[in-house]
Structures are given as structure tokens and as C-alpha cells.
Amino acid sequence: MKAYSQDLRQRILQTGDEGKTQTEAASLLKVSETTVKRYVRQRREKGHVQPKSIPGRPPSKRAPLEARLHPQLERWPDATLQEHCEAWEAEEGIKVSISTMSRAIEHLQWTRKKTVGAKVTLKQRQPSEFQGRRGTAHVYGGSESV
């Protein structure tokens, strides 16, 4: 969830400073009472109501991944996330998870629409890898019964 804007934070405090109760300020500005209390306490203790920094360490793989991923996406637009991870490891020597690859692709705003009937992939697949729930092996361009 994104932090509330600095303007809204100031309006919350200003409403309280004008004599309204914390409950009235919360209701008027459509925020929770807890938020109002937190901002009042933060201003009292720290002198400001700036948003806190995001906890945790910054991602270490995503920046280089996003910087050099676009050509790979253009070369293999129909590849799965797993195939993109394998290609990245083969080209760059850095192993990335499917989740990391997914976040990087999403951050690049790359759409992952697949071409119907595509036959070119990063590696040849065996029909058994496409085993469906109902006993059919899905192959690009149609399906075969197993």
C-alpha cells in the first residue's frame, strides 16, 4: 500500500489543530482513527510527518536485470517466465527466480501476450511436459490425446 500524500498528512494535522477531535478528523478525511493518532504522535516525537523508508534491503538483482532484459524479451516474446530465467542465466551467468523475473517484466511494462500457434521456443519441449489435467497433451497449434 502506498503512503498517504504529504498534503493529506498536513490536512489531517491541520484539522486536529483547528479543534476537531481525532475521530472527526478521521471521518472528515476518510482515513482511520489509527492513522490520525499515528500522525499526531509522529509530529510530537519527530517534528514531521514524512513517510518512513521502506524496510529491508534494496533488491540486488532487479536493477541489472531490468537494464538488460528488454532485448531478450524482444528476441523471445513467447517464452515462459521459466524459459526467460533459464535464458538469463545462460547469457548473464546470474540465476534469477521466476518471481524476480516476473517483477522485472512487470516493471518494464512488457505485455506477455503469447502468439497463437507459436512454434519457436527457447528449447524443444516433449509432449509429456504439456500434460494437462484431463489427459491431453497440449502442443502449440492444437492438442493431442494421450
C-alpha atoms as a PDB file:
ATOM      1  CA  MET A   1       0.000   0.000   0.000  1.00  0.00           C
ATOM      2  CA  LYS A   2       1.324   3.437  -0.889  1.00  0.00           C
ATOM      3  CA  ALA A   3       1.861   6.084   1.740  1.00  0.00           C
ATOM      4  CA  TYR A   4      -0.637   8.922   2.044  1.00  0.00           C
ATOM      5  CA  SER A   5       0.423  12.144   0.327  1.00  0.00           C
ATOM      6  CA  GLN A   6       2.191  14.831   2.298  1.00  0.00           C
ATOM      7  CA  ASP A   7      -0.736  17.176   1.585  1.00  0.00           C
ATOM      8  CA  LEU A   8      -3.240  14.778   3.179  1.00  0.00           C
ATOM      9  CA  ARG A   9      -0.974  14.286   6.176  1.00  0.00           C
ATOM     10  CA  GLN A  10      -0.836  18.054   6.688  1.00  0.00           C
ATOM     11  CA  ARG A  11      -4.629  18.384   6.309  1.00  0.00           C
ATOM     12  CA  ILE A  12      -5.149  15.650   8.924  1.00  0.00           C
ATOM     13  CA  LEU A  13      -2.973  17.525  11.403  1.00  0.00           C
ATOM     14  CA  GLN A  14      -4.491  20.898  10.493  1.00  0.00           C
ATOM     15  CA  THR A  15      -7.995  19.540  11.118  1.00  0.00           C
ATOM     16  CA  GLY A  16      -6.906  18.446  14.584  1.00  0.00           C
ATOM     17  CA  ASP A  17      -5.216  21.804  15.203  1.00  0.00           C
ATOM     18  CA  GLU A  18      -8.480  23.590  14.343  1.00  0.00           C
ATOM     19  CA  GLY A  19     -10.156  21.927  17.317  1.00  0.00           C
ATOM     20  CA  LYS A  20     -11.792  18.851  15.796  1.00  0.00           C
ATOM     21  CA  THR A  21     -11.384  15.543  17.586  1.00  0.00           C
ATOM     22  CA  GLN A  22      -9.292  12.765  16.089  1.00  0.00           C
ATOM     23  CA  THR A  23     -12.481  10.820  15.341  1.00  0.00           C
ATOM     24  CA  GLU A  24     -13.991  13.795  13.495  1.00  0.00           C
ATOM     25  CA  ALA A  25     -10.769  14.369  11.542  1.00  0.00           C
ATOM     26  CA  ALA A  26     -10.643  10.701  10.530  1.00  0.00           C
ATOM     27  CA  SER A  27     -14.277  10.714   9.435  1.00  0.00           C
ATOM     28  CA  LEU A  28     -13.969  14.019   7.561  1.00  0.00           C
ATOM     29  CA  LEU A  29     -10.843  12.995   5.628  1.00  0.00           C
ATOM     30  CA  LYS A  30     -11.844   9.331   5.217  1.00  0.00           C
ATOM     31  CA  VAL A  31      -8.854   7.801   6.995  1.00  0.00           C
ATOM     32  CA  SER A  32      -8.744   5.573  10.059  1.00  0.00           C
ATOM     33  CA  GLU A  33      -8.505   6.949  13.578  1.00  0.00           C
ATOM     34  CA  THR A  34      -5.304   4.988  13.979  1.00  0.00           C
ATOM     35  CA  THR A  35      -3.757   6.936  11.093  1.00  0.00           C
ATOM     36  CA  VAL A  36      -4.693  10.247  12.711  1.00  0.00           C
ATOM     37  CA  LYS A  37      -3.244   9.110  16.054  1.00  0.00           C
ATOM     38  CA  ARG A  38      -0.058   7.892  14.367  1.00  0.00           C
ATOM     39  CA  TYR A  39       0.484  11.232  12.569  1.00  0.00           C
ATOM     40  CA  VAL A  40      -0.160  13.247  15.738  1.00  0.00           C
ATOM     41  CA  ARG A  41       2.310  11.062  17.662  1.00  0.00           C
ATOM     42  CA  GLN A  42       4.902  11.226  14.863  1.00  0.00           C
ATOM     43  CA  ARG A  43       4.721  15.033  14.715  1.00  0.00           C
ATOM     44  CA  ARG A  44       5.023  15.252  18.501  1.00  0.00           C
ATOM     45  CA  GLU A  45       8.007  12.870  18.676  1.00  0.00           C
ATOM     46  CA  LYS A  46       9.900  13.644  15.466  1.00  0.00           C
ATOM     47  CA  GLY A  47       8.646  17.081  14.429  1.00  0.00           C
ATOM     48  CA  HIS A  48       7.458  15.951  10.992  1.00  0.00           C
ATOM     49  CA  VAL A  49       5.089  13.531   9.294  1.00  0.00           C
ATOM     50  CA  GLN A  50       7.296  12.347   6.442  1.00  0.00           C
ATOM     51  CA  PRO A  51       6.676   8.782   5.229  1.00  0.00           C
ATOM     52  CA  LYS A  52       9.008   6.176   6.669  1.00  0.00           C
ATOM     53  CA  SER A  53      11.515   4.467   4.418  1.00  0.00           C
ATOM     54  CA  ILE A  54      10.628   1.042   3.081  1.00  0.00           C
ATOM     55  CA  PRO A  55      12.132  -1.613   5.368  1.00  0.00           C
ATOM     56  CA  GLY A  56      14.570  -4.221   4.141  1.00  0.00           C
ATOM     57  CA  ARG A  57      17.482  -4.100   1.799  1.00  0.00           C
ATOM     58  CA  PRO A  58      17.029  -2.926  -1.779  1.00  0.00           C
ATOM     59  CA  PRO A  59      16.784  -5.627  -4.458  1.00  0.00           C
ATOM     60  CA  SER A  60      20.234  -6.559  -5.745  1.00  0.00           C
ATOM     61  CA  LYS A  61      19.374  -8.410  -8.964  1.00  0.00           C
ATOM     62  CA  ARG A  62      16.482  -6.387 -10.333  1.00  0.00           C
ATOM     63  CA  ALA A  63      18.340  -3.231 -11.433  1.00  0.00           C
ATOM     64  CA  PRO A  64      20.803  -5.006 -13.759  1.00  0.00           C
ATOM     65  CA  LEU A  65      18.046  -7.375 -14.866  1.00  0.00           C
ATOM     66  CA  GLU A  66      15.745  -4.517 -15.883  1.00  0.00           C
ATOM     67  CA  ALA A  67      18.598  -2.654 -17.573  1.00  0.00           C
ATOM     68  CA  ARG A  68      19.448  -5.536 -19.929  1.00  0.00           C
ATOM     69  CA  LEU A  69      16.263  -7.615 -20.154  1.00  0.00           C
ATOM     70  CA  HIS A  70      14.420  -5.782 -22.940  1.00  0.00           C
ATOM     71  CA  PRO A  71      16.435  -7.288 -25.859  1.00  0.00           C
ATOM     72  CA  GLN A  72      15.783 -10.787 -24.517  1.00  0.00           C
ATOM     73  CA  LEU A  73      12.054 -10.071 -24.305  1.00  0.00           C
ATOM     74  CA  GLU A  74      12.048  -8.880 -27.912  1.00  0.00           C
ATOM     75  CA  ARG A  75      14.012 -11.920 -29.107  1.00  0.00           C
ATOM     76  CA  TRP A  76      11.709 -14.410 -27.365  1.00  0.00           C
ATOM     77  CA  PRO A  77       8.319 -12.754 -26.791  1.00  0.00           C
ATOM     78  CA  ASP A  78       6.538 -16.110 -26.462  1.00  0.00           C
ATOM     79  CA  ALA A  79       8.873 -17.599 -23.857  1.00  0.00           C
ATOM     80  CA  THR A  80       7.529 -18.533 -20.445  1.00  0.00           C
ATOM     81  CA  LEU A  81       8.889 -16.994 -17.244  1.00  0.00           C
ATOM     82  CA  GLN A  82      10.895 -20.168 -16.597  1.00  0.00           C
ATOM     83  CA  GLU A  83      12.402 -20.003 -20.091  1.00  0.00           C
ATOM     84  CA  HIS A  84      13.312 -16.339 -19.586  1.00  0.00           C
ATOM     85  CA  CYS A  85      15.009 -17.257 -16.289  1.00  0.00           C
ATOM     86  CA  GLU A  86      16.993 -20.017 -17.995  1.00  0.00           C
ATOM     87  CA  ALA A  87      17.993 -17.735 -20.893  1.00  0.00           C
ATOM     88  CA  TRP A  88      19.076 -15.012 -18.461  1.00  0.00           C
ATOM     89  CA  GLU A  89      21.231 -17.478 -16.529  1.00  0.00           C
ATOM     90  CA  ALA A  90      22.763 -18.787 -19.772  1.00  0.00           C
ATOM     91  CA  GLU A  91      23.560 -15.287 -21.095  1.00  0.00           C
ATOM     92  CA  GLU A  92      24.452 -13.385 -17.917  1.00  0.00           C
ATOM     93  CA  GLY A  93      25.526 -16.182 -15.559  1.00  0.00           C
ATOM     94  CA  ILE A  94      23.133 -14.952 -12.858  1.00  0.00           C
ATOM     95  CA  LYS A  95      20.343 -17.198 -11.634  1.00  0.00           C
ATOM     96  CA  VAL A  96      17.056 -15.379 -11.002  1.00  0.00           C
ATOM     97  CA  SER A  97      13.793 -16.738  -9.657  1.00  0.00           C
ATOM     98  CA  ILE A  98      10.533 -16.744 -11.554  1.00  0.00           C
ATOM     99  CA  SER A  99       9.216 -14.148  -9.087  1.00  0.00           C
ATOM    100  CA  THR A 100      12.149 -11.798  -9.740  1.00  0.00           C
ATOM    101  CA  MET A 101      11.740 -12.214 -13.496  1.00  0.00           C
ATOM    102  CA  SER A 102       8.012 -11.568 -13.219  1.00  0.00           C
ATOM    103  CA  ARG A 103       8.562  -8.364 -11.200  1.00  0.00           C
ATOM    104  CA  ALA A 104      11.211  -7.128 -13.653  1.00  0.00           C
ATOM    105  CA  ILE A 105       8.977  -7.768 -16.669  1.00  0.00           C
ATOM    106  CA  GLU A 106       6.059  -6.073 -14.939  1.00  0.00           C
ATOM    107  CA  HIS A 107       8.222  -3.068 -14.027  1.00  0.00           C
ATOM    108  CA  LEU A 108       9.263  -2.773 -17.694  1.00  0.00           C
ATOM    109  CA  GLN A 109       5.532  -2.785 -18.573  1.00  0.00           C
ATOM    110  CA  TRP A 110       6.110  -5.575 -21.081  1.00  0.00           C
ATOM    111  CA  THR A 111       2.920  -7.355 -22.091  1.00  0.00           C
ATOM    112  CA  ARG A 112       3.195 -11.122 -22.170  1.00  0.00           C
ATOM    113  CA  LYS A 113       0.580 -11.940 -24.756  1.00  0.00           C
ATOM    114  CA  LYS A 114       1.524 -15.131 -26.482  1.00  0.00           C
ATOM    115  CA  THR A 115       1.345 -15.628 -30.243  1.00  0.00           C
ATOM    116  CA  VAL A 116      -1.295 -18.201 -31.118  1.00  0.00           C
ATOM    117  CA  GLY A 117       0.259 -21.196 -32.771  1.00  0.00           C
ATOM    118  CA  ALA A 118       3.833 -20.146 -31.988  1.00  0.00           C
ATOM    119  CA  LYS A 119       6.315 -22.891 -32.770  1.00  0.00           C
ATOM    120  CA  VAL A 120       9.618 -21.278 -31.815  1.00  0.00           C
ATOM    121  CA  THR A 121      10.703 -21.553 -28.184  1.00  0.00           C
ATOM    122  CA  LEU A 122      13.999 -21.436 -26.336  1.00  0.00           C
ATOM    123  CA  LYS A 123      14.191 -25.212 -26.134  1.00  0.00           C
ATOM    124  CA  GLN A 124      12.412 -28.156 -27.668  1.00  0.00           C
ATOM    125  CA  ARG A 125       9.697 -29.492 -25.409  1.00  0.00           C
ATOM    126  CA  GLN A 126       8.429 -33.014 -25.169  1.00  0.00           C
ATOM    127  CA  PRO A 127       4.634 -33.506 -25.365  1.00  0.00           C
ATOM    128  CA  SER A 128       4.753 -35.054 -21.877  1.00  0.00           C
ATOM    129  CA  GLU A 129       5.765 -31.618 -20.488  1.00  0.00           C
ATOM    130  CA  PHE A 130       2.389 -30.273 -21.573  1.00  0.00           C
ATOM    131  CA  GLN A 131       0.375 -32.923 -19.769  1.00  0.00           C
ATOM    132  CA  GLY A 132      -2.993 -31.452 -18.832  1.00  0.00           C
ATOM    133  CA  ARG A 133      -5.382 -32.491 -16.073  1.00  0.00           C
ATOM    134  CA  ARG A 134      -7.700 -34.347 -18.383  1.00  0.00           C
ATOM    135  CA  GLY A 135      -5.095 -36.488 -20.087  1.00  0.00           C
ATOM    136  CA  THR A 136      -4.436 -34.293 -23.111  1.00  0.00           C
ATOM    137  CA  ALA A 137      -1.023 -33.094 -24.119  1.00  0.00           C
ATOM    138  CA  HIS A 138      -1.245 -29.514 -25.314  1.00  0.00           C
ATOM    139  CA  VAL A 139       1.049 -28.773 -28.221  1.00  0.00           C
ATOM    140  CA  TYR A 140       1.455 -25.395 -29.897  1.00  0.00           C
ATOM    141  CA  GLY A 141      -1.144 -25.114 -32.602  1.00  0.00           C
ATOM    142  CA  GLY A 142      -3.571 -27.655 -31.138  1.00  0.00           C
ATOM    143  CA  SER A 143      -3.817 -30.582 -28.779  1.00  0.00           C
ATOM    144  CA  GLU A 144      -3.286 -34.292 -28.988  1.00  0.00           C
ATOM    145  CA  SER A 145      -4.980 -37.022 -26.982  1.00  0.00           C
ATOM    146  CA  VAL A 146      -2.724 -39.069 -24.771  1.00  0.00           C
END
